Amino acid sequence: MKIGITNLKGGVGKTTISQNLAVCFASMGFKTCIVDTDTNQNSLAWSGVRDEGLANITVVGATDAKALGKTVENLHRDYEVVIIDGTPSLSEMTTRIILSSDMLIIPILPSAHDFRAMQPFFERYEQAKEFRSDIPAYFLINQFSHSGNIYKGMREAIGNFGLEVLKSNVNKRAAYVETALDGRGVYESGDNKAKSEMVELTKEILEKAENLGLIKISES
C-alpha cells in the first residue's frame, strides 16, 4: 500500500501526519517506510534522532521527481506500507507523488485561506488522472478545534470538491510538536487523547485501503 500525503500548500501538516501514521502502522505490525520528497528532508532528520528501541521505520530521501516512481515501487517490494511525505510545490514532483500513490491523504487546515488555496492542487490532481483515473483521495482536517466557527461549514464546503472528508480529525495538540523533536510519534507519547485520535485515523485509512483491495488487514 502506497499512501501519498500531499497538498501544494505548506504548513498544513504533511510531515507530521506522515510521521505519525508511520509510527502507528509500524506499531500495528506493518513493515513501514517513509519516502521524504521535500528538499528540507525533515522526515529524514526525524529518523536520525529516533531511538533504536522504538518501532522500526525506514526513511528514504527522494527529491528527484523523475526517479520517484521507481524508488517507491522498489521500496514497495519490501515494505507493506510506503508513505510518501509530500512537498509544498506546484512542480513535477507533485504529479509524480499523485501517480505513485495507491491512495492520497490531503491534509487541510480549517481556514478559509487554506480552502481557497486548494484550487491549484485540484488542477494538478485532475491532470494526473488523465494518466491514471483510479486515484482515490481523501481530505483530512488537521489542527481541528471545536471552538473555530469556520469549521461548522468546512466539511460541507470541502465536499464541494467531490472528495470524501475522513471522519477522523487531527486536533491541535502540543504532543505533535514535542514528539517530533526526538523522533517519536504521539502513539509513543503520554498524551492518550493524541494517541487515540491517531489510532482512529490509522484504522479508518486501513478500512478504506482494505475496501479498495490495497491490503488485507486479517493477514497482517
N, C-alpha and C. Protein backbone atom coordinates (compact mmCIF):
# COMPACT_ATOMS: atom_id res chain seq x y z
N MET A 1 0.85 -1.19 0.00
CA MET A 1 0.00 0.00 0.00
C MET A 1 0.88 1.24 0.00
N LYS A 2 0.65 2.11 -0.97
CA LYS A 2 1.44 3.34 -1.10
C LYS A 2 0.51 4.53 -0.85
N ILE A 3 0.80 5.29 0.19
CA ILE A 3 -0.06 6.40 0.61
C ILE A 3 0.67 7.72 0.40
N GLY A 4 0.12 8.59 -0.46
CA GLY A 4 0.70 9.91 -0.66
C GLY A 4 0.05 10.92 0.27
N ILE A 5 0.86 11.62 1.05
CA ILE A 5 0.36 12.69 1.93
C ILE A 5 0.73 13.99 1.23
N THR A 6 -0.24 14.65 0.61
CA THR A 6 0.11 15.74 -0.29
C THR A 6 -0.87 16.91 -0.24
N ASN A 7 -0.34 18.07 -0.51
CA ASN A 7 -1.09 19.31 -0.64
C ASN A 7 -0.07 20.34 -1.13
N LEU A 8 -0.45 21.18 -2.07
CA LEU A 8 0.51 22.15 -2.59
C LEU A 8 0.86 23.23 -1.57
N LYS A 9 -0.02 23.42 -0.59
CA LYS A 9 0.20 24.47 0.40
C LYS A 9 1.13 23.96 1.50
N GLY A 10 2.05 24.81 1.93
CA GLY A 10 2.91 24.46 3.05
C GLY A 10 2.22 24.70 4.38
N GLY A 11 2.74 24.08 5.43
CA GLY A 11 2.24 24.33 6.78
C GLY A 11 0.94 23.66 7.13
N VAL A 12 0.50 22.68 6.32
CA VAL A 12 -0.77 22.00 6.62
C VAL A 12 -0.57 20.71 7.41
N GLY A 13 0.68 20.32 7.62
CA GLY A 13 0.94 19.15 8.47
C GLY A 13 1.26 17.87 7.73
N LYS A 14 1.73 17.96 6.49
CA LYS A 14 2.03 16.75 5.73
C LYS A 14 3.07 15.88 6.42
N THR A 15 4.15 16.50 6.88
CA THR A 15 5.22 15.74 7.51
C THR A 15 4.77 15.18 8.86
N THR A 16 4.07 15.96 9.64
CA THR A 16 3.56 15.48 10.93
C THR A 16 2.64 14.29 10.75
N ILE A 17 1.73 14.38 9.78
CA ILE A 17 0.81 13.28 9.52
C ILE A 17 1.58 12.05 9.03
N SER A 18 2.53 12.26 8.13
CA SER A 18 3.32 11.16 7.59
C SER A 18 4.04 10.40 8.70
N GLN A 19 4.72 11.14 9.57
CA GLN A 19 5.48 10.51 10.64
C GLN A 19 4.58 9.78 11.63
N ASN A 20 3.48 10.39 11.99
CA ASN A 20 2.60 9.78 12.99
C ASN A 20 1.84 8.57 12.44
N LEU A 21 1.46 8.63 11.18
CA LEU A 21 0.85 7.44 10.56
C LEU A 21 1.87 6.31 10.49
N ALA A 22 3.10 6.64 10.12
CA ALA A 22 4.14 5.62 10.03
C ALA A 22 4.36 4.93 11.37
N VAL A 23 4.38 5.71 12.45
CA VAL A 23 4.55 5.14 13.78
C VAL A 23 3.40 4.20 14.11
N CYS A 24 2.18 4.61 13.81
CA CYS A 24 1.01 3.77 14.09
C CYS A 24 1.05 2.49 13.27
N PHE A 25 1.31 2.60 11.97
CA PHE A 25 1.37 1.41 11.13
C PHE A 25 2.45 0.45 11.62
N ALA A 26 3.63 0.98 11.93
CA ALA A 26 4.74 0.14 12.40
C ALA A 26 4.40 -0.51 13.73
N SER A 27 3.75 0.24 14.62
CA SER A 27 3.38 -0.30 15.93
C SER A 27 2.30 -1.36 15.83
N MET A 28 1.52 -1.31 14.75
CA MET A 28 0.49 -2.33 14.50
C MET A 28 1.06 -3.56 13.80
N GLY A 29 2.36 -3.54 13.51
CA GLY A 29 3.00 -4.71 12.93
C GLY A 29 3.24 -4.65 11.44
N PHE A 30 2.92 -3.53 10.79
CA PHE A 30 3.17 -3.39 9.36
C PHE A 30 4.61 -2.93 9.12
N LYS A 31 5.28 -3.56 8.17
CA LYS A 31 6.62 -3.12 7.79
C LYS A 31 6.46 -1.82 7.01
N THR A 32 7.00 -0.73 7.57
CA THR A 32 6.65 0.62 7.11
C THR A 32 7.88 1.45 6.77
N CYS A 33 7.74 2.26 5.72
CA CYS A 33 8.79 3.23 5.42
C CYS A 33 8.17 4.55 4.97
N ILE A 34 8.95 5.61 5.07
CA ILE A 34 8.56 6.95 4.61
C ILE A 34 9.49 7.35 3.48
N VAL A 35 8.92 7.89 2.41
CA VAL A 35 9.72 8.48 1.34
C VAL A 35 9.60 9.99 1.49
N ASP A 36 10.70 10.65 1.81
CA ASP A 36 10.72 12.08 2.08
C ASP A 36 11.08 12.83 0.78
N THR A 37 10.09 13.53 0.21
CA THR A 37 10.31 14.21 -1.07
C THR A 37 10.65 15.69 -0.93
N ASP A 38 10.60 16.22 0.28
CA ASP A 38 10.86 17.64 0.49
C ASP A 38 12.36 17.90 0.55
N THR A 39 12.79 18.97 -0.06
CA THR A 39 14.22 19.30 -0.04
C THR A 39 14.74 19.57 1.37
N ASN A 40 13.83 19.94 2.29
CA ASN A 40 14.25 20.17 3.68
C ASN A 40 14.55 18.87 4.40
N GLN A 41 14.04 17.75 3.90
CA GLN A 41 14.30 16.41 4.44
C GLN A 41 14.00 16.32 5.95
N ASN A 42 12.86 16.86 6.37
CA ASN A 42 12.51 16.85 7.79
C ASN A 42 12.22 15.44 8.32
N SER A 43 11.61 14.60 7.51
CA SER A 43 11.35 13.23 7.97
C SER A 43 12.65 12.45 8.09
N LEU A 44 13.60 12.72 7.21
CA LEU A 44 14.90 12.06 7.29
C LEU A 44 15.62 12.49 8.57
N ALA A 45 15.55 13.78 8.91
CA ALA A 45 16.16 14.27 10.14
C ALA A 45 15.46 13.68 11.36
N TRP A 46 14.13 13.58 11.30
CA TRP A 46 13.33 12.95 12.37
C TRP A 46 13.80 11.52 12.62
N SER A 47 14.03 10.79 11.53
CA SER A 47 14.50 9.41 11.64
C SER A 47 15.87 9.34 12.30
N GLY A 48 16.70 10.35 12.02
CA GLY A 48 18.06 10.35 12.56
C GLY A 48 18.13 10.46 14.07
N VAL A 49 17.12 11.08 14.69
CA VAL A 49 17.13 11.22 16.15
C VAL A 49 16.20 10.22 16.82
N ARG A 50 15.59 9.33 16.03
CA ARG A 50 14.66 8.35 16.57
C ARG A 50 15.41 7.24 17.30
N ASP A 51 14.93 6.90 18.51
CA ASP A 51 15.56 5.88 19.34
C ASP A 51 15.45 4.51 18.67
N GLU A 52 16.53 3.75 18.70
CA GLU A 52 16.55 2.44 18.05
C GLU A 52 15.63 1.44 18.74
N GLY A 53 15.24 1.72 19.97
CA GLY A 53 14.36 0.81 20.69
C GLY A 53 12.90 0.95 20.30
N LEU A 54 12.57 1.98 19.54
CA LEU A 54 11.19 2.19 19.10
C LEU A 54 10.90 1.37 17.83
N ALA A 55 9.63 1.31 17.45
CA ALA A 55 9.23 0.56 16.25
C ALA A 55 10.06 1.03 15.06
N ASN A 56 10.53 0.07 14.28
CA ASN A 56 11.43 0.38 13.18
C ASN A 56 10.70 1.01 12.00
N ILE A 57 11.17 2.17 11.56
CA ILE A 57 10.61 2.86 10.39
C ILE A 57 11.79 3.33 9.53
N THR A 58 11.85 2.85 8.32
CA THR A 58 12.88 3.29 7.38
C THR A 58 12.44 4.59 6.72
N VAL A 59 13.35 5.54 6.60
CA VAL A 59 13.05 6.79 5.90
C VAL A 59 14.07 6.97 4.79
N VAL A 60 13.57 7.21 3.58
CA VAL A 60 14.42 7.36 2.40
C VAL A 60 14.18 8.74 1.79
N GLY A 61 15.24 9.46 1.52
CA GLY A 61 15.12 10.75 0.85
C GLY A 61 15.00 10.55 -0.65
N ALA A 62 14.06 11.27 -1.28
CA ALA A 62 13.86 11.13 -2.73
C ALA A 62 13.39 12.46 -3.29
N THR A 63 14.32 13.30 -3.67
CA THR A 63 13.97 14.64 -4.16
C THR A 63 14.03 14.76 -5.69
N ASP A 64 14.38 13.67 -6.36
CA ASP A 64 14.41 13.67 -7.83
C ASP A 64 13.05 13.19 -8.33
N ALA A 65 12.27 14.08 -8.91
CA ALA A 65 10.91 13.75 -9.33
C ALA A 65 10.89 12.60 -10.33
N LYS A 66 11.81 12.60 -11.25
CA LYS A 66 11.80 11.57 -12.30
C LYS A 66 12.09 10.18 -11.75
N ALA A 67 12.80 10.11 -10.62
CA ALA A 67 13.15 8.81 -10.03
C ALA A 67 12.15 8.35 -8.98
N LEU A 68 11.19 9.20 -8.65
CA LEU A 68 10.30 8.88 -7.52
C LEU A 68 9.52 7.59 -7.74
N GLY A 69 8.90 7.45 -8.91
CA GLY A 69 8.07 6.27 -9.16
C GLY A 69 8.84 4.98 -8.99
N LYS A 70 10.04 4.92 -9.55
CA LYS A 70 10.87 3.72 -9.43
C LYS A 70 11.28 3.49 -7.97
N THR A 71 11.64 4.57 -7.27
CA THR A 71 12.03 4.45 -5.86
C THR A 71 10.89 3.86 -5.03
N VAL A 72 9.69 4.40 -5.22
CA VAL A 72 8.53 3.93 -4.45
C VAL A 72 8.22 2.47 -4.78
N GLU A 73 8.25 2.10 -6.05
CA GLU A 73 7.96 0.72 -6.45
C GLU A 73 8.99 -0.25 -5.86
N ASN A 74 10.26 0.12 -5.87
CA ASN A 74 11.30 -0.74 -5.31
C ASN A 74 11.10 -0.94 -3.81
N LEU A 75 10.75 0.13 -3.11
CA LEU A 75 10.51 0.02 -1.68
C LEU A 75 9.27 -0.82 -1.39
N HIS A 76 8.27 -0.69 -2.25
CA HIS A 76 7.02 -1.42 -2.03
C HIS A 76 7.20 -2.93 -2.13
N ARG A 77 8.27 -3.37 -2.74
CA ARG A 77 8.57 -4.81 -2.78
C ARG A 77 8.94 -5.34 -1.40
N ASP A 78 9.50 -4.47 -0.57
CA ASP A 78 9.98 -4.88 0.75
C ASP A 78 9.13 -4.39 1.91
N TYR A 79 8.29 -3.38 1.64
CA TYR A 79 7.51 -2.78 2.73
C TYR A 79 6.01 -2.87 2.43
N GLU A 80 5.25 -3.22 3.47
CA GLU A 80 3.80 -3.31 3.31
C GLU A 80 3.16 -1.93 3.14
N VAL A 81 3.72 -0.95 3.85
CA VAL A 81 3.18 0.41 3.81
C VAL A 81 4.30 1.38 3.44
N VAL A 82 4.11 2.08 2.33
CA VAL A 82 5.05 3.13 1.91
C VAL A 82 4.30 4.45 1.98
N ILE A 83 4.77 5.35 2.82
CA ILE A 83 4.14 6.66 2.99
C ILE A 83 5.01 7.71 2.30
N ILE A 84 4.42 8.43 1.36
CA ILE A 84 5.15 9.47 0.63
C ILE A 84 4.85 10.82 1.28
N ASP A 85 5.87 11.38 1.93
CA ASP A 85 5.76 12.68 2.59
C ASP A 85 5.94 13.76 1.52
N GLY A 86 4.84 14.41 1.14
CA GLY A 86 4.84 15.33 0.00
C GLY A 86 5.52 16.66 0.25
N THR A 87 5.78 17.34 -0.83
CA THR A 87 6.43 18.66 -0.77
C THR A 87 5.46 19.75 -1.22
N PRO A 88 5.49 20.93 -0.59
CA PRO A 88 4.57 22.02 -0.97
C PRO A 88 5.08 22.76 -2.19
N SER A 89 4.85 22.19 -3.35
CA SER A 89 5.40 22.80 -4.57
C SER A 89 4.52 22.47 -5.76
N LEU A 90 4.24 23.47 -6.58
CA LEU A 90 3.49 23.26 -7.82
C LEU A 90 4.51 22.85 -8.88
N SER A 91 4.94 21.60 -8.79
CA SER A 91 6.02 21.13 -9.66
C SER A 91 5.71 19.73 -10.15
N GLU A 92 6.64 19.21 -10.94
CA GLU A 92 6.50 17.85 -11.45
C GLU A 92 6.44 16.84 -10.30
N MET A 93 7.12 17.15 -9.18
CA MET A 93 7.14 16.23 -8.05
C MET A 93 5.72 15.94 -7.54
N THR A 94 4.88 16.97 -7.50
CA THR A 94 3.51 16.76 -7.02
C THR A 94 2.76 15.77 -7.90
N THR A 95 2.89 15.92 -9.20
CA THR A 95 2.26 14.98 -10.13
C THR A 95 2.80 13.58 -9.93
N ARG A 96 4.11 13.45 -9.73
CA ARG A 96 4.73 12.14 -9.53
C ARG A 96 4.25 11.50 -8.23
N ILE A 97 4.06 12.30 -7.19
CA ILE A 97 3.54 11.76 -5.92
C ILE A 97 2.14 11.21 -6.14
N ILE A 98 1.30 11.97 -6.83
CA ILE A 98 -0.08 11.54 -7.09
C ILE A 98 -0.08 10.22 -7.87
N LEU A 99 0.72 10.14 -8.91
CA LEU A 99 0.75 8.95 -9.76
C LEU A 99 1.42 7.75 -9.10
N SER A 100 2.27 8.00 -8.10
CA SER A 100 2.98 6.91 -7.42
C SER A 100 2.19 6.33 -6.26
N SER A 101 1.04 6.91 -5.94
CA SER A 101 0.27 6.53 -4.75
C SER A 101 -0.92 5.65 -5.10
N ASP A 102 -1.22 4.73 -4.20
CA ASP A 102 -2.45 3.94 -4.30
C ASP A 102 -3.64 4.73 -3.77
N MET A 103 -3.37 5.62 -2.82
CA MET A 103 -4.39 6.50 -2.27
C MET A 103 -3.73 7.76 -1.75
N LEU A 104 -4.48 8.85 -1.76
CA LEU A 104 -3.96 10.14 -1.31
C LEU A 104 -4.69 10.60 -0.07
N ILE A 105 -3.93 11.14 0.87
CA ILE A 105 -4.50 11.83 2.03
C ILE A 105 -4.09 13.29 1.89
N ILE A 106 -5.08 14.19 1.90
CA ILE A 106 -4.83 15.61 1.68
C ILE A 106 -5.11 16.38 2.97
N PRO A 107 -4.08 16.68 3.77
CA PRO A 107 -4.32 17.47 4.99
C PRO A 107 -4.73 18.89 4.63
N ILE A 108 -5.68 19.42 5.36
CA ILE A 108 -6.11 20.80 5.16
C ILE A 108 -6.46 21.40 6.51
N LEU A 109 -6.09 22.66 6.71
CA LEU A 109 -6.41 23.34 7.96
C LEU A 109 -7.81 23.95 7.86
N PRO A 110 -8.53 24.03 8.97
CA PRO A 110 -9.89 24.59 8.94
C PRO A 110 -9.88 26.11 8.86
N SER A 111 -9.47 26.61 7.70
CA SER A 111 -9.45 28.06 7.50
C SER A 111 -9.87 28.38 6.07
N ALA A 112 -10.46 29.54 5.89
CA ALA A 112 -10.92 29.95 4.56
C ALA A 112 -9.74 30.08 3.61
N HIS A 113 -8.60 30.55 4.11
CA HIS A 113 -7.42 30.73 3.26
C HIS A 113 -6.94 29.39 2.71
N ASP A 114 -6.90 28.37 3.57
CA ASP A 114 -6.45 27.06 3.13
C ASP A 114 -7.44 26.45 2.15
N PHE A 115 -8.71 26.68 2.37
CA PHE A 115 -9.74 26.17 1.47
C PHE A 115 -9.58 26.78 0.08
N ARG A 116 -9.37 28.09 0.03
CA ARG A 116 -9.22 28.76 -1.26
C ARG A 116 -7.94 28.32 -1.99
N ALA A 117 -6.94 27.94 -1.22
CA ALA A 117 -5.65 27.56 -1.81
C ALA A 117 -5.67 26.17 -2.44
N MET A 118 -6.79 25.45 -2.33
CA MET A 118 -6.86 24.10 -2.84
C MET A 118 -6.98 24.02 -4.37
N GLN A 119 -7.44 25.08 -5.01
CA GLN A 119 -7.72 25.00 -6.44
C GLN A 119 -6.52 24.57 -7.28
N PRO A 120 -5.32 25.12 -7.06
CA PRO A 120 -4.17 24.67 -7.86
C PRO A 120 -3.88 23.19 -7.69
N PHE A 121 -4.09 22.68 -6.47
CA PHE A 121 -3.86 21.25 -6.26
C PHE A 121 -4.83 20.42 -7.09
N PHE A 122 -6.09 20.83 -7.10
CA PHE A 122 -7.07 20.06 -7.84
C PHE A 122 -6.84 20.10 -9.34
N GLU A 123 -6.30 21.19 -9.82
CA GLU A 123 -5.94 21.25 -11.24
C GLU A 123 -4.85 20.22 -11.54
N ARG A 124 -3.87 20.09 -10.63
CA ARG A 124 -2.80 19.11 -10.81
C ARG A 124 -3.34 17.68 -10.64
N TYR A 125 -4.25 17.50 -9.71
CA TYR A 125 -4.86 16.19 -9.47
C TYR A 125 -5.64 15.73 -10.70
N GLU A 126 -6.42 16.61 -11.30
CA GLU A 126 -7.20 16.27 -12.48
C GLU A 126 -6.28 15.97 -13.67
N GLN A 127 -5.18 16.70 -13.78
CA GLN A 127 -4.21 16.43 -14.84
C GLN A 127 -3.61 15.03 -14.68
N ALA A 128 -3.29 14.67 -13.43
CA ALA A 128 -2.71 13.34 -13.16
C ALA A 128 -3.69 12.23 -13.50
N LYS A 129 -4.97 12.50 -13.29
CA LYS A 129 -5.99 11.48 -13.57
C LYS A 129 -6.15 11.20 -15.06
N GLU A 130 -5.60 12.07 -15.91
CA GLU A 130 -5.61 11.78 -17.34
C GLU A 130 -4.68 10.61 -17.66
N PHE A 131 -3.67 10.39 -16.78
CA PHE A 131 -2.75 9.27 -16.96
C PHE A 131 -3.19 8.04 -16.20
N ARG A 132 -3.89 8.26 -15.08
CA ARG A 132 -4.38 7.14 -14.27
C ARG A 132 -5.64 7.58 -13.55
N SER A 133 -6.75 7.02 -13.92
CA SER A 133 -8.04 7.52 -13.42
C SER A 133 -8.36 7.08 -12.01
N ASP A 134 -7.84 5.94 -11.60
CA ASP A 134 -8.20 5.37 -10.28
C ASP A 134 -7.23 5.83 -9.19
N ILE A 135 -7.37 7.07 -8.77
CA ILE A 135 -6.51 7.60 -7.70
C ILE A 135 -7.42 8.09 -6.57
N PRO A 136 -7.82 7.20 -5.65
CA PRO A 136 -8.70 7.63 -4.57
C PRO A 136 -8.02 8.66 -3.66
N ALA A 137 -8.76 9.69 -3.28
CA ALA A 137 -8.19 10.76 -2.46
C ALA A 137 -9.19 11.18 -1.38
N TYR A 138 -8.65 11.52 -0.21
CA TYR A 138 -9.48 11.87 0.94
C TYR A 138 -8.90 13.09 1.64
N PHE A 139 -9.77 14.00 2.03
CA PHE A 139 -9.36 15.14 2.84
C PHE A 139 -9.21 14.73 4.30
N LEU A 140 -8.23 15.31 4.97
CA LEU A 140 -8.05 15.14 6.41
C LEU A 140 -7.96 16.52 7.04
N ILE A 141 -8.89 16.83 7.94
CA ILE A 141 -8.84 18.13 8.61
C ILE A 141 -7.84 18.06 9.76
N ASN A 142 -6.80 18.88 9.65
CA ASN A 142 -5.72 18.92 10.63
C ASN A 142 -5.87 20.16 11.51
N GLN A 143 -5.29 20.07 12.71
CA GLN A 143 -5.35 21.16 13.69
C GLN A 143 -6.80 21.58 13.93
N PHE A 144 -7.64 20.59 14.05
CA PHE A 144 -9.06 20.81 14.30
C PHE A 144 -9.27 21.45 15.67
N SER A 145 -10.23 22.35 15.75
CA SER A 145 -10.58 22.99 17.02
C SER A 145 -12.09 23.15 17.08
N HIS A 146 -12.69 22.64 18.16
CA HIS A 146 -14.15 22.75 18.31
C HIS A 146 -14.60 24.20 18.45
N SER A 147 -13.67 25.07 18.85
CA SER A 147 -14.05 26.46 19.08
C SER A 147 -14.04 27.30 17.79
N GLY A 148 -13.51 26.74 16.73
CA GLY A 148 -13.41 27.51 15.49
C GLY A 148 -14.74 27.60 14.77
N ASN A 149 -15.28 28.79 14.59
CA ASN A 149 -16.58 28.96 13.94
C ASN A 149 -16.56 28.51 12.48
N ILE A 150 -15.41 28.67 11.84
CA ILE A 150 -15.35 28.34 10.41
C ILE A 150 -15.53 26.85 10.17
N TYR A 151 -15.23 26.02 11.18
CA TYR A 151 -15.32 24.57 10.99
C TYR A 151 -16.76 24.13 10.72
N LYS A 152 -17.74 24.89 11.21
CA LYS A 152 -19.14 24.48 11.09
C LYS A 152 -19.52 24.18 9.64
N GLY A 153 -19.06 25.01 8.72
CA GLY A 153 -19.40 24.76 7.32
C GLY A 153 -18.26 24.18 6.51
N MET A 154 -17.16 23.85 7.20
CA MET A 154 -15.96 23.43 6.49
C MET A 154 -16.15 22.10 5.76
N ARG A 155 -16.71 21.11 6.43
CA ARG A 155 -16.88 19.80 5.81
C ARG A 155 -17.75 19.88 4.55
N GLU A 156 -18.82 20.64 4.66
CA GLU A 156 -19.72 20.78 3.51
C GLU A 156 -19.01 21.50 2.36
N ALA A 157 -18.25 22.54 2.69
CA ALA A 157 -17.54 23.29 1.65
C ALA A 157 -16.48 22.43 0.98
N ILE A 158 -15.74 21.66 1.77
CA ILE A 158 -14.72 20.78 1.21
C ILE A 158 -15.36 19.73 0.32
N GLY A 159 -16.53 19.25 0.74
CA GLY A 159 -17.23 18.24 -0.04
C GLY A 159 -17.57 18.70 -1.44
N ASN A 160 -17.62 20.01 -1.66
CA ASN A 160 -17.93 20.53 -2.99
C ASN A 160 -16.84 20.20 -4.02
N PHE A 161 -15.65 19.82 -3.51
CA PHE A 161 -14.59 19.41 -4.42
C PHE A 161 -14.83 18.01 -4.96
N GLY A 162 -15.80 17.31 -4.38
CA GLY A 162 -16.13 15.97 -4.88
C GLY A 162 -15.35 14.84 -4.24
N LEU A 163 -14.57 15.14 -3.19
CA LEU A 163 -13.82 14.11 -2.49
C LEU A 163 -14.36 13.92 -1.09
N GLU A 164 -14.20 12.72 -0.58
CA GLU A 164 -14.67 12.41 0.76
C GLU A 164 -13.77 13.05 1.82
N VAL A 165 -14.38 13.50 2.91
CA VAL A 165 -13.63 14.01 4.06
C VAL A 165 -13.58 12.89 5.10
N LEU A 166 -12.40 12.52 5.54
CA LEU A 166 -12.28 11.47 6.55
C LEU A 166 -13.02 11.87 7.82
N LYS A 167 -13.62 10.89 8.47
CA LYS A 167 -14.34 11.16 9.71
C LYS A 167 -13.38 11.55 10.82
N SER A 168 -12.18 11.00 10.79
CA SER A 168 -11.17 11.30 11.81
C SER A 168 -10.61 12.71 11.61
N ASN A 169 -10.42 13.42 12.71
CA ASN A 169 -9.75 14.72 12.70
C ASN A 169 -8.45 14.62 13.48
N VAL A 170 -7.51 15.48 13.17
CA VAL A 170 -6.29 15.59 13.97
C VAL A 170 -6.36 16.93 14.68
N ASN A 171 -6.38 16.89 15.99
CA ASN A 171 -6.53 18.11 16.78
C ASN A 171 -5.20 18.84 16.93
N LYS A 172 -5.28 20.10 17.28
CA LYS A 172 -4.08 20.90 17.52
C LYS A 172 -3.61 20.61 18.94
N ARG A 173 -2.51 19.87 19.07
CA ARG A 173 -2.01 19.45 20.38
C ARG A 173 -0.50 19.64 20.45
N ALA A 174 -0.02 19.98 21.64
CA ALA A 174 1.42 20.17 21.84
C ALA A 174 2.18 18.87 21.63
N ALA A 175 1.53 17.73 21.83
CA ALA A 175 2.21 16.43 21.71
C ALA A 175 2.79 16.21 20.33
N TYR A 176 2.15 16.74 19.30
CA TYR A 176 2.67 16.55 17.94
C TYR A 176 4.00 17.27 17.74
N VAL A 177 4.13 18.42 18.36
CA VAL A 177 5.38 19.19 18.26
C VAL A 177 6.46 18.55 19.13
N GLU A 178 6.08 18.20 20.36
CA GLU A 178 7.05 17.67 21.32
C GLU A 178 7.66 16.35 20.86
N THR A 179 6.82 15.45 20.34
CA THR A 179 7.35 14.14 19.94
C THR A 179 8.20 14.23 18.69
N ALA A 180 7.90 15.17 17.81
CA ALA A 180 8.68 15.31 16.58
C ALA A 180 10.14 15.67 16.88
N LEU A 181 10.36 16.36 17.98
CA LEU A 181 11.71 16.82 18.32
C LEU A 181 12.68 15.67 18.57
N ASP A 182 12.17 14.54 19.08
CA ASP A 182 13.07 13.42 19.38
C ASP A 182 12.71 12.15 18.60
N GLY A 183 12.11 12.36 17.43
CA GLY A 183 11.90 11.23 16.54
C GLY A 183 10.80 10.26 16.92
N ARG A 184 9.83 10.73 17.68
CA ARG A 184 8.71 9.86 18.07
C ARG A 184 7.43 10.29 17.36
N GLY A 185 6.38 9.51 17.57
CA GLY A 185 5.04 9.87 17.18
C GLY A 185 4.19 9.96 18.44
N VAL A 186 3.00 10.54 18.33
CA VAL A 186 2.16 10.68 19.53
C VAL A 186 1.72 9.32 20.06
N TYR A 187 1.73 8.28 19.22
CA TYR A 187 1.41 6.93 19.69
C TYR A 187 2.40 6.50 20.77
N GLU A 188 3.60 7.07 20.73
CA GLU A 188 4.65 6.72 21.68
C GLU A 188 4.77 7.74 22.81
N SER A 189 3.77 8.62 22.92
CA SER A 189 3.81 9.67 23.94
C SER A 189 2.87 9.32 25.09
N GLY A 190 2.83 10.21 26.09
CA GLY A 190 1.93 10.03 27.22
C GLY A 190 0.59 10.71 27.03
N ASP A 191 0.38 11.33 25.87
CA ASP A 191 -0.88 12.01 25.58
C ASP A 191 -1.86 11.00 25.00
N ASN A 192 -2.72 10.47 25.85
CA ASN A 192 -3.63 9.42 25.41
C ASN A 192 -4.67 9.90 24.40
N LYS A 193 -5.05 11.17 24.49
CA LYS A 193 -6.02 11.71 23.53
C LYS A 193 -5.40 11.79 22.14
N ALA A 194 -4.17 12.27 22.08
CA ALA A 194 -3.47 12.34 20.80
C ALA A 194 -3.26 10.94 20.24
N LYS A 195 -2.85 10.03 21.09
CA LYS A 195 -2.62 8.64 20.66
C LYS A 195 -3.91 8.04 20.11
N SER A 196 -5.00 8.25 20.82
CA SER A 196 -6.29 7.68 20.42
C SER A 196 -6.75 8.21 19.07
N GLU A 197 -6.61 9.53 18.85
CA GLU A 197 -7.08 10.09 17.58
C GLU A 197 -6.23 9.62 16.41
N MET A 198 -4.93 9.40 16.65
CA MET A 198 -4.09 8.92 15.56
C MET A 198 -4.37 7.45 15.25
N VAL A 199 -4.67 6.67 16.28
CA VAL A 199 -5.06 5.27 16.06
C VAL A 199 -6.35 5.20 15.26
N GLU A 200 -7.31 6.05 15.61
CA GLU A 200 -8.58 6.07 14.87
C GLU A 200 -8.37 6.45 13.41
N LEU A 201 -7.50 7.42 13.17
CA LEU A 201 -7.19 7.82 11.80
C LEU A 201 -6.56 6.66 11.03
N THR A 202 -5.60 5.99 11.66
CA THR A 202 -4.93 4.86 11.01
C THR A 202 -5.91 3.75 10.70
N LYS A 203 -6.80 3.45 11.62
CA LYS A 203 -7.79 2.40 11.40
C LYS A 203 -8.74 2.78 10.27
N GLU A 204 -9.12 4.06 10.20
CA GLU A 204 -10.01 4.50 9.13
C GLU A 204 -9.33 4.35 7.77
N ILE A 205 -8.05 4.72 7.69
CA ILE A 205 -7.30 4.57 6.44
C ILE A 205 -7.16 3.10 6.07
N LEU A 206 -6.90 2.25 7.06
CA LEU A 206 -6.81 0.81 6.80
C LEU A 206 -8.12 0.25 6.26
N GLU A 207 -9.22 0.72 6.82
CA GLU A 207 -10.53 0.26 6.35
C GLU A 207 -10.76 0.68 4.89
N LYS A 208 -10.41 1.94 4.58
CA LYS A 208 -10.53 2.41 3.20
C LYS A 208 -9.64 1.56 2.27
N ALA A 209 -8.42 1.30 2.73
CA ALA A 209 -7.47 0.56 1.92
C ALA A 209 -7.94 -0.88 1.68
N GLU A 210 -8.50 -1.48 2.70
CA GLU A 210 -8.99 -2.85 2.54
C GLU A 210 -10.17 -2.89 1.57
N ASN A 211 -11.06 -1.91 1.66
CA ASN A 211 -12.20 -1.83 0.74
C ASN A 211 -11.75 -1.63 -0.70
N LEU A 212 -10.61 -0.96 -0.87
CA LEU A 212 -10.06 -0.72 -2.21
C LEU A 212 -9.23 -1.90 -2.72
N GLY A 213 -9.05 -2.90 -1.85
CA GLY A 213 -8.26 -4.06 -2.24
C GLY A 213 -6.76 -3.83 -2.17
N LEU A 214 -6.34 -2.82 -1.41
CA LEU A 214 -4.92 -2.49 -1.33
C LEU A 214 -4.17 -3.31 -0.29
N ILE A 215 -4.91 -3.80 0.69
CA ILE A 215 -4.28 -4.51 1.80
C ILE A 215 -5.31 -5.42 2.45
N LYS A 216 -4.84 -6.50 3.06
CA LYS A 216 -5.72 -7.41 3.79
C LYS A 216 -5.32 -7.35 5.25
N ILE A 217 -6.13 -6.69 6.06
CA ILE A 217 -5.79 -6.47 7.46
C ILE A 217 -5.67 -7.79 8.19
N SER A 218 -6.52 -8.74 7.88
CA SER A 218 -6.54 -10.00 8.60
C SER A 218 -5.26 -10.81 8.45
N GLU A 219 -4.50 -10.51 7.38
CA GLU A 219 -3.27 -11.26 7.13
C GLU A 219 -2.03 -10.53 7.61
N SER A 220 -2.25 -9.31 8.21
CA SER A 220 -1.07 -8.52 8.63
C SER A 220 -0.92 -8.59 10.14
